[in-house]
N, C-alpha and C. Protein backbone atom coordinates (compact mmCIF):
# COMPACT_ATOMS: atom_id res chain seq x y z
N MET A 1 7.18 -34.08 48.76
CA MET A 1 6.19 -33.10 48.36
C MET A 1 7.07 -31.85 47.88
N ASN A 2 8.19 -31.47 48.78
CA ASN A 2 8.70 -30.25 48.52
C ASN A 2 9.60 -30.16 47.20
N LEU A 3 10.11 -31.50 46.86
CA LEU A 3 10.74 -31.64 45.62
C LEU A 3 9.83 -31.63 44.25
N LYS A 4 8.75 -32.17 44.69
CA LYS A 4 7.68 -32.10 43.43
C LYS A 4 7.21 -30.69 43.27
N LYS A 5 7.21 -29.77 44.28
CA LYS A 5 6.81 -28.53 44.08
C LYS A 5 7.83 -27.56 43.35
N THR A 6 9.19 -28.05 43.73
CA THR A 6 10.38 -27.37 43.04
C THR A 6 10.42 -27.72 41.62
N ILE A 7 10.22 -29.11 41.50
CA ILE A 7 10.27 -29.39 39.95
C ILE A 7 9.19 -28.50 38.97
N ILE A 8 8.05 -28.57 39.77
CA ILE A 8 6.77 -27.97 38.97
C ILE A 8 7.38 -26.66 38.57
N THR A 9 7.87 -25.71 39.83
CA THR A 9 8.20 -24.39 39.60
C THR A 9 9.24 -24.17 38.52
N ILE A 10 10.31 -25.08 38.71
CA ILE A 10 11.49 -25.05 37.54
C ILE A 10 10.74 -25.26 36.04
N LEU A 11 9.95 -26.09 35.98
CA LEU A 11 9.33 -26.37 34.63
C LEU A 11 8.39 -25.21 34.06
N ARG A 12 7.55 -24.60 35.20
CA ARG A 12 6.97 -23.26 34.50
C ARG A 12 7.91 -22.13 34.11
N GLU A 13 8.93 -22.18 35.06
CA GLU A 13 9.87 -20.98 34.65
C GLU A 13 10.64 -21.29 33.31
N GLU A 14 10.96 -22.70 33.09
CA GLU A 14 11.61 -22.86 31.83
C GLU A 14 10.88 -22.41 30.60
N ASN A 15 9.67 -22.65 30.54
CA ASN A 15 8.93 -22.62 29.29
C ASN A 15 8.03 -21.38 29.22
N ASN A 16 7.88 -20.85 30.34
CA ASN A 16 7.12 -19.17 30.49
C ASN A 16 5.58 -19.58 29.58
N LEU A 17 5.04 -20.74 29.47
CA LEU A 17 3.73 -20.92 29.01
C LEU A 17 2.68 -21.27 29.99
N ASN A 18 1.58 -20.68 29.91
CA ASN A 18 0.69 -21.02 30.99
C ASN A 18 0.29 -22.47 30.82
N PRO A 19 -0.04 -23.24 32.08
CA PRO A 19 -0.60 -24.52 31.91
C PRO A 19 -1.88 -24.89 30.97
N LEU A 20 -2.46 -23.48 30.65
CA LEU A 20 -3.71 -23.71 29.95
C LEU A 20 -3.34 -24.38 28.49
N ILE A 21 -2.02 -24.09 28.07
CA ILE A 21 -1.43 -24.75 26.87
C ILE A 21 -0.76 -25.87 27.09
N THR A 22 0.29 -25.85 28.23
CA THR A 22 1.08 -27.17 28.35
C THR A 22 0.62 -28.28 28.76
N ARG A 23 -0.65 -28.24 29.70
CA ARG A 23 -1.44 -29.40 30.16
C ARG A 23 -2.18 -30.13 28.85
N ARG A 24 -2.21 -29.29 27.57
CA ARG A 24 -3.20 -29.78 26.45
C ARG A 24 -2.40 -30.31 25.17
N VAL A 25 -1.05 -29.60 25.25
CA VAL A 25 -0.27 -29.56 23.94
C VAL A 25 1.25 -29.87 24.46
N SER A 26 1.83 -31.03 23.91
CA SER A 26 3.18 -31.04 24.36
C SER A 26 4.14 -29.90 23.53
N MET A 27 5.17 -29.50 24.27
CA MET A 27 5.94 -28.57 23.85
C MET A 27 6.86 -28.88 22.45
N GLU A 28 6.98 -30.17 22.40
CA GLU A 28 7.26 -30.50 21.04
C GLU A 28 6.39 -30.37 19.93
N LYS A 29 5.04 -30.88 20.00
CA LYS A 29 4.20 -30.56 19.09
C LYS A 29 3.97 -29.02 18.96
N LEU A 30 3.98 -28.23 19.89
CA LEU A 30 3.80 -26.77 19.79
C LEU A 30 5.06 -26.29 18.87
N ASP A 31 6.22 -26.68 19.20
CA ASP A 31 7.21 -26.13 18.50
C ASP A 31 7.15 -26.45 16.96
N ILE A 32 6.84 -27.62 16.84
CA ILE A 32 6.47 -28.16 15.31
C ILE A 32 5.66 -27.41 14.81
N GLU A 33 4.28 -27.25 15.28
CA GLU A 33 3.25 -26.37 14.66
C GLU A 33 3.69 -25.03 14.45
N PHE A 34 4.43 -24.44 15.37
CA PHE A 34 4.77 -22.93 15.21
C PHE A 34 5.97 -22.74 13.96
N ASN A 35 6.82 -23.78 13.97
CA ASN A 35 7.73 -23.67 12.86
C ASN A 35 7.02 -23.95 11.50
N ASP A 36 6.25 -24.57 11.26
CA ASP A 36 5.46 -25.00 10.29
C ASP A 36 4.48 -23.73 9.92
N ALA A 37 3.89 -23.11 10.83
CA ALA A 37 3.27 -21.84 10.71
C ALA A 37 4.18 -20.70 10.30
N LEU A 38 5.30 -20.70 10.80
CA LEU A 38 6.27 -19.48 10.60
C LEU A 38 6.90 -19.73 9.12
N ASN A 39 7.04 -20.94 8.74
CA ASN A 39 7.70 -21.19 7.24
C ASN A 39 6.65 -21.02 6.29
N SER A 40 5.27 -21.26 6.74
CA SER A 40 4.36 -20.99 5.65
C SER A 40 4.00 -19.41 5.55
N ALA A 41 4.14 -18.76 6.70
CA ALA A 41 3.70 -17.13 6.76
C ALA A 41 4.82 -16.57 6.04
N SER A 42 6.13 -17.03 6.08
CA SER A 42 7.29 -16.53 5.68
C SER A 42 7.34 -16.69 4.22
N ASP A 43 6.85 -18.00 3.73
CA ASP A 43 6.58 -18.08 2.20
C ASP A 43 5.52 -17.35 1.50
N MET A 44 4.49 -17.14 2.25
CA MET A 44 3.38 -15.99 1.68
C MET A 44 4.00 -14.50 1.80
N TYR A 45 4.65 -14.21 2.80
CA TYR A 45 5.27 -13.01 2.73
C TYR A 45 6.18 -12.73 1.71
N TYR A 46 7.04 -13.60 1.31
CA TYR A 46 7.92 -13.45 0.36
C TYR A 46 7.45 -13.50 -1.10
N ARG A 47 6.41 -14.27 -1.37
CA ARG A 47 5.62 -14.29 -2.55
C ARG A 47 4.76 -13.12 -2.81
N ASN A 48 4.21 -12.14 -1.73
CA ASN A 48 3.38 -11.02 -1.76
C ASN A 48 4.21 -9.94 -1.13
N TYR A 49 5.45 -9.74 -1.39
CA TYR A 49 6.11 -8.85 -0.93
C TYR A 49 5.70 -7.36 -1.13
N ASN A 50 5.06 -7.33 -2.17
CA ASN A 50 4.69 -5.94 -2.82
C ASN A 50 3.63 -5.45 -1.87
N VAL A 51 2.88 -6.17 -1.40
CA VAL A 51 1.55 -5.91 -0.76
C VAL A 51 1.84 -4.98 0.60
N GLY A 52 3.27 -5.23 1.16
CA GLY A 52 3.40 -4.39 1.92
C GLY A 52 3.07 -4.99 3.63
N THR A 53 3.29 -6.14 4.07
CA THR A 53 2.99 -6.74 5.18
C THR A 53 3.72 -6.34 6.27
N SER A 54 2.79 -5.68 7.21
CA SER A 54 3.86 -5.13 8.43
C SER A 54 4.10 -6.45 9.44
N LEU A 55 4.76 -5.78 10.44
CA LEU A 55 5.28 -7.09 11.35
C LEU A 55 4.02 -7.62 12.22
N ALA A 56 3.23 -6.50 12.58
CA ALA A 56 1.81 -6.89 13.14
C ALA A 56 0.90 -7.98 12.33
N GLN A 57 1.20 -7.70 11.05
CA GLN A 57 0.17 -8.72 10.37
C GLN A 57 0.80 -10.00 10.08
N PHE A 58 2.24 -9.83 10.11
CA PHE A 58 2.83 -11.19 9.89
C PHE A 58 2.79 -11.99 11.01
N ARG A 59 3.19 -11.25 12.39
CA ARG A 59 2.76 -11.86 13.77
C ARG A 59 1.60 -12.42 13.86
N ASN A 60 0.63 -11.70 13.51
CA ASN A 60 -0.87 -12.42 13.73
C ASN A 60 -1.22 -13.55 12.78
N THR A 61 -0.57 -13.41 11.55
CA THR A 61 -0.78 -14.57 10.69
C THR A 61 -0.08 -15.83 11.22
N VAL A 62 1.16 -15.81 11.53
CA VAL A 62 1.79 -17.00 12.41
C VAL A 62 1.13 -17.38 13.49
N LEU A 63 0.54 -16.54 14.51
CA LEU A 63 -0.05 -17.27 15.61
C LEU A 63 -1.31 -17.70 15.45
N HIS A 64 -2.15 -17.14 14.38
CA HIS A 64 -3.16 -17.58 14.22
C HIS A 64 -3.02 -18.96 13.38
N MET A 65 -2.41 -19.33 12.65
CA MET A 65 -2.05 -20.41 11.89
C MET A 65 -1.45 -21.57 13.01
N THR A 66 -0.72 -20.92 14.00
CA THR A 66 -0.34 -22.04 15.02
C THR A 66 -1.68 -22.45 16.05
N ILE A 67 -2.38 -21.52 16.22
CA ILE A 67 -3.46 -21.65 17.23
C ILE A 67 -4.67 -22.91 16.20
N ASP A 68 -4.62 -22.66 14.94
CA ASP A 68 -5.37 -23.27 14.31
C ASP A 68 -4.96 -24.82 14.15
N SER A 69 -3.77 -24.99 14.26
CA SER A 69 -3.19 -26.43 14.16
C SER A 69 -3.31 -27.11 15.42
N ILE A 70 -3.35 -26.44 16.50
CA ILE A 70 -3.43 -27.04 17.71
C ILE A 70 -4.93 -26.84 18.35
N HIS A 71 -5.95 -26.41 17.64
CA HIS A 71 -7.03 -25.90 17.91
C HIS A 71 -7.73 -27.31 18.59
N TRP A 72 -7.87 -28.29 18.04
CA TRP A 72 -8.82 -29.46 18.71
C TRP A 72 -8.03 -29.83 20.07
N GLU A 73 -6.96 -29.85 20.12
CA GLU A 73 -6.40 -30.30 21.44
C GLU A 73 -6.81 -29.25 22.38
N LEU A 74 -6.83 -27.93 22.30
CA LEU A 74 -7.36 -26.79 23.08
C LEU A 74 -8.83 -27.01 23.32
N TYR A 75 -9.64 -26.66 22.22
CA TYR A 75 -11.08 -26.57 22.16
C TYR A 75 -11.78 -28.01 22.90
N SER A 76 -11.24 -29.03 22.54
CA SER A 76 -11.97 -30.16 23.01
C SER A 76 -11.88 -30.30 24.76
N THR A 77 -11.10 -29.70 25.19
CA THR A 77 -10.89 -29.77 26.68
C THR A 77 -11.46 -28.51 27.38
N MET A 78 -11.82 -27.44 26.55
CA MET A 78 -12.19 -26.31 27.26
C MET A 78 -13.53 -26.12 27.69
N PRO A 79 -13.86 -25.53 28.76
CA PRO A 79 -15.57 -25.08 29.05
C PRO A 79 -16.08 -24.62 27.65
N GLU A 80 -17.38 -24.83 27.38
CA GLU A 80 -18.01 -24.22 26.51
C GLU A 80 -18.13 -22.74 26.37
N ASP A 81 -18.41 -22.13 27.69
CA ASP A 81 -18.34 -20.61 27.73
C ASP A 81 -17.06 -20.07 27.90
N SER A 82 -16.04 -20.62 27.67
CA SER A 82 -14.63 -20.10 27.74
C SER A 82 -14.23 -19.34 26.67
N HIS A 83 -13.47 -18.32 26.87
CA HIS A 83 -12.90 -17.45 25.84
C HIS A 83 -11.52 -17.69 25.65
N TRP A 84 -11.07 -18.88 25.50
CA TRP A 84 -9.68 -19.36 25.59
C TRP A 84 -8.69 -18.73 24.18
N TYR A 85 -9.41 -18.36 23.22
CA TYR A 85 -8.65 -18.16 22.09
C TYR A 85 -7.78 -16.85 22.19
N ASP A 86 -8.37 -16.00 22.75
CA ASP A 86 -7.50 -14.56 22.92
C ASP A 86 -6.56 -15.12 24.00
N ASP A 87 -6.89 -15.74 25.18
CA ASP A 87 -5.75 -16.05 26.09
C ASP A 87 -4.46 -16.79 25.55
N VAL A 88 -4.83 -17.83 24.78
CA VAL A 88 -3.82 -18.39 24.10
C VAL A 88 -2.96 -17.76 22.87
N PHE A 89 -3.62 -16.70 22.40
CA PHE A 89 -3.13 -16.06 21.30
C PHE A 89 -2.07 -14.98 22.09
N HIS A 90 -2.28 -14.44 23.18
CA HIS A 90 -1.46 -13.32 24.01
C HIS A 90 -0.23 -14.45 24.59
N MET A 91 -0.55 -15.44 25.08
CA MET A 91 0.36 -16.33 25.58
C MET A 91 1.24 -16.74 24.51
N LEU A 92 1.18 -17.16 23.47
CA LEU A 92 1.73 -17.54 22.30
C LEU A 92 2.77 -16.43 21.85
N ARG A 93 2.04 -15.31 21.77
CA ARG A 93 2.73 -14.05 21.36
C ARG A 93 3.99 -13.69 22.42
N LYS A 94 3.85 -13.73 23.49
CA LYS A 94 4.72 -13.61 24.47
C LYS A 94 6.04 -14.46 24.27
N TYR A 95 5.53 -15.73 23.96
CA TYR A 95 6.38 -16.84 24.08
C TYR A 95 7.19 -16.79 22.76
N PHE A 96 6.65 -16.53 21.60
CA PHE A 96 7.45 -16.59 20.41
C PHE A 96 7.52 -15.26 19.58
N ASP A 97 7.31 -14.28 20.21
CA ASP A 97 7.46 -12.87 19.61
C ASP A 97 8.80 -12.58 19.17
N ASP A 98 9.77 -13.07 19.99
CA ASP A 98 11.23 -12.63 19.49
C ASP A 98 11.65 -13.35 18.17
N LYS A 99 11.16 -14.83 18.08
CA LYS A 99 11.53 -15.62 16.83
C LYS A 99 10.88 -14.86 15.56
N ILE A 100 9.48 -14.58 15.99
CA ILE A 100 8.55 -14.02 14.77
C ILE A 100 9.44 -12.75 14.25
N GLU A 101 9.87 -11.73 15.14
CA GLU A 101 10.25 -10.70 14.86
C GLU A 101 11.64 -10.79 13.98
N GLU A 102 12.39 -11.85 14.43
CA GLU A 102 13.65 -12.00 13.93
C GLU A 102 13.40 -12.62 12.51
N ARG A 103 12.47 -13.62 12.33
CA ARG A 103 12.12 -13.95 11.01
C ARG A 103 11.76 -12.72 10.01
N TYR A 104 10.90 -11.97 10.51
CA TYR A 104 10.35 -10.89 9.74
C TYR A 104 11.65 -9.92 9.41
N ASN A 105 12.36 -9.95 10.26
CA ASN A 105 13.56 -8.76 9.77
C ASN A 105 14.44 -9.36 8.74
N ASP A 106 14.75 -10.72 9.22
CA ASP A 106 15.66 -11.32 8.09
C ASP A 106 15.01 -11.64 6.85
N LEU A 107 13.44 -11.73 6.47
CA LEU A 107 12.82 -11.67 5.26
C LEU A 107 12.86 -10.34 4.45
N ASN A 108 12.83 -9.27 5.57
CA ASN A 108 12.89 -7.82 4.77
C ASN A 108 14.44 -7.53 4.48
N ASN A 109 15.39 -7.86 5.08
CA ASN A 109 16.76 -7.75 4.69
C ASN A 109 17.07 -8.69 3.47
N ASP A 110 16.38 -9.75 3.41
CA ASP A 110 16.78 -10.78 2.29
C ASP A 110 16.15 -10.20 0.92
N LEU A 111 14.82 -9.67 1.08
CA LEU A 111 14.01 -9.18 -0.05
C LEU A 111 14.63 -7.76 -0.59
N ASN A 112 14.99 -6.98 0.32
CA ASN A 112 15.69 -5.69 0.09
C ASN A 112 16.91 -6.01 -0.71
N ASN A 113 17.67 -6.85 -0.20
CA ASN A 113 18.97 -7.20 -0.88
C ASN A 113 18.68 -7.50 -2.47
N ASP A 114 17.80 -8.53 -2.39
CA ASP A 114 17.35 -9.08 -3.80
C ASP A 114 16.97 -7.94 -4.64
N LEU A 115 16.13 -7.01 -4.18
CA LEU A 115 15.44 -5.98 -5.01
C LEU A 115 16.51 -4.92 -5.39
N ASN A 116 17.52 -4.84 -4.63
CA ASN A 116 18.72 -3.96 -5.03
C ASN A 116 19.45 -4.28 -6.07
N ASN A 117 19.84 -5.73 -5.80
CA ASN A 117 20.43 -6.40 -6.94
C ASN A 117 19.66 -6.31 -8.19
N GLU A 118 18.42 -6.83 -8.10
CA GLU A 118 17.77 -6.71 -9.40
C GLU A 118 17.66 -5.39 -10.04
N ASP A 119 17.38 -4.16 -9.26
CA ASP A 119 17.46 -2.78 -9.79
C ASP A 119 18.94 -2.52 -10.25
N GLU A 120 19.86 -2.95 -9.76
CA GLU A 120 21.03 -2.72 -10.36
C GLU A 120 21.23 -3.47 -11.64
N GLY A 121 20.71 -4.59 -11.91
CA GLY A 121 20.93 -5.34 -13.08
C GLY A 121 19.84 -4.72 -14.15
N ILE A 122 18.84 -4.23 -13.78
CA ILE A 122 17.86 -3.37 -14.72
C ILE A 122 18.52 -2.20 -15.21
N LEU A 123 19.23 -1.18 -14.10
CA LEU A 123 19.80 -0.19 -14.63
C LEU A 123 20.79 -0.24 -15.65
N ALA A 124 21.59 -1.36 -15.32
CA ALA A 124 22.71 -1.59 -16.18
C ALA A 124 22.24 -2.04 -17.70
N ASP A 125 21.18 -2.74 -17.76
CA ASP A 125 20.51 -3.07 -18.89
C ASP A 125 20.00 -1.72 -19.68
N LEU A 126 19.45 -0.72 -18.84
CA LEU A 126 18.92 0.40 -19.35
C LEU A 126 20.10 1.26 -20.06
N GLN A 127 21.17 1.31 -19.19
CA GLN A 127 22.27 2.08 -19.72
C GLN A 127 22.79 1.62 -20.98
N GLU A 128 23.06 0.34 -21.06
CA GLU A 128 23.43 -0.49 -22.16
C GLU A 128 22.56 -0.35 -23.42
N LYS A 129 21.22 -0.20 -23.34
CA LYS A 129 20.56 -0.03 -24.50
C LYS A 129 20.49 1.57 -24.89
N GLU A 130 20.81 2.62 -23.96
CA GLU A 130 20.92 3.83 -24.30
C GLU A 130 22.06 3.90 -25.32
N ILE A 131 23.05 3.38 -25.06
CA ILE A 131 24.28 3.29 -25.71
C ILE A 131 24.25 2.87 -27.28
N THR A 132 23.79 1.50 -27.16
CA THR A 132 23.49 0.81 -28.35
C THR A 132 22.54 0.96 -29.34
N GLU A 133 21.36 1.85 -28.82
CA GLU A 133 20.13 2.00 -29.52
C GLU A 133 20.46 2.89 -30.77
N ARG A 134 20.09 2.58 -31.97
CA ARG A 134 20.55 3.24 -33.21
C ARG A 134 19.25 3.72 -33.77
N CYS A 135 19.42 4.90 -34.42
CA CYS A 135 18.41 5.56 -35.25
C CYS A 135 18.00 4.91 -36.56
N TRP A 136 16.77 5.19 -36.95
CA TRP A 136 16.23 4.29 -38.27
C TRP A 136 17.31 4.86 -39.40
N LYS A 137 17.16 4.32 -40.59
CA LYS A 137 17.99 4.53 -41.54
C LYS A 137 17.34 5.94 -42.26
N GLY A 138 18.09 6.83 -42.62
CA GLY A 138 17.68 8.16 -42.82
C GLY A 138 17.71 9.15 -41.86
N TYR A 139 18.10 8.80 -40.77
CA TYR A 139 18.07 9.77 -39.50
C TYR A 139 19.44 9.50 -38.74
N THR A 140 19.92 10.82 -38.02
CA THR A 140 20.98 10.86 -37.41
C THR A 140 20.78 11.05 -35.97
N GLN A 141 21.82 10.60 -34.94
CA GLN A 141 21.54 11.11 -33.75
C GLN A 141 22.16 12.38 -33.40
N LYS A 142 21.38 13.35 -32.72
CA LYS A 142 21.91 14.42 -32.43
C LYS A 142 21.53 14.66 -30.77
N GLY A 143 22.37 13.93 -30.14
CA GLY A 143 22.22 14.12 -28.60
C GLY A 143 21.32 13.07 -28.01
N MET A 144 20.62 13.29 -26.81
CA MET A 144 19.58 12.63 -26.22
C MET A 144 18.54 13.36 -25.55
N LYS A 145 17.36 12.89 -25.59
CA LYS A 145 16.49 13.71 -25.08
C LYS A 145 15.52 12.61 -23.98
N THR A 146 14.77 13.23 -23.12
CA THR A 146 14.24 12.54 -22.01
C THR A 146 12.70 12.91 -22.30
N MET A 147 12.04 11.58 -22.21
CA MET A 147 10.65 11.45 -22.47
C MET A 147 10.15 10.41 -21.60
N PHE A 148 9.21 10.48 -20.57
CA PHE A 148 8.42 10.09 -19.57
C PHE A 148 9.61 9.33 -18.61
N GLY A 149 10.59 10.09 -18.25
CA GLY A 149 11.47 9.70 -17.27
C GLY A 149 12.61 8.90 -17.76
N LYS A 150 12.83 8.89 -19.19
CA LYS A 150 13.57 7.66 -19.59
C LYS A 150 14.46 8.44 -20.88
N ARG A 151 15.53 8.23 -20.91
CA ARG A 151 16.67 9.01 -21.96
C ARG A 151 16.61 8.08 -23.11
N TYR A 152 16.33 8.97 -24.49
CA TYR A 152 16.26 8.23 -25.81
C TYR A 152 17.21 9.00 -26.57
N PRO A 153 17.61 8.50 -27.68
CA PRO A 153 18.43 9.19 -28.63
C PRO A 153 17.50 10.19 -29.27
N ASN A 154 18.03 11.45 -29.62
CA ASN A 154 17.35 12.39 -30.38
C ASN A 154 17.65 12.14 -31.75
N CYS A 155 16.91 11.47 -32.47
CA CYS A 155 17.15 11.12 -33.93
C CYS A 155 16.37 12.14 -34.79
N VAL A 156 17.26 12.80 -35.81
CA VAL A 156 16.78 13.99 -36.52
C VAL A 156 16.99 13.53 -38.08
N LYS A 157 16.07 13.62 -38.76
CA LYS A 157 15.85 13.16 -40.27
C LYS A 157 17.15 14.15 -41.03
N ILE A 158 17.80 13.27 -41.79
CA ILE A 158 18.92 13.70 -42.58
C ILE A 158 18.35 14.59 -43.70
N LYS A 159 18.91 16.02 -43.63
CA LYS A 159 18.35 16.87 -44.83
C LYS A 159 19.24 16.78 -45.92
N LYS A 160 18.60 16.72 -47.26
CA LYS A 160 19.38 16.69 -48.34
C LYS A 160 19.67 18.02 -48.86
N LYS A 161 20.95 18.12 -49.35
CA LYS A 161 21.52 19.48 -49.83
C LYS A 161 21.06 19.80 -51.23
């Protein structure tokens, strides 16, 4: 009996998840469902970057998707009057929070690098257009002018003498 208690204690310490979850869902299935949810949420975040998703919103999306995927295993074995969803949510948050935050930060760094590279390309294109843009026939360039935050050639009609 003493050996059995020791093994149970060690197993509980290893996964830090409440038996509420571990008795109903295998760790392998939980990890698979979590990784699927994390990848799906990452894809949505990447496609909708301009929306400005915060870490809390990203975390909630991943955890809700994970719970939705293991919902039947949990719900079917819970008492009807149980408020298990919030308990499971907070347990999963403690367990997966580091991985979620790491992914969120990686996504932000990747997206910021992509945007900076894109901005540099656009800036180079704009500078090139400024240099190569010519005036219409019968006009000559007399310096540059700024309109709407953008620089344009100042084209002046050629006067006949």
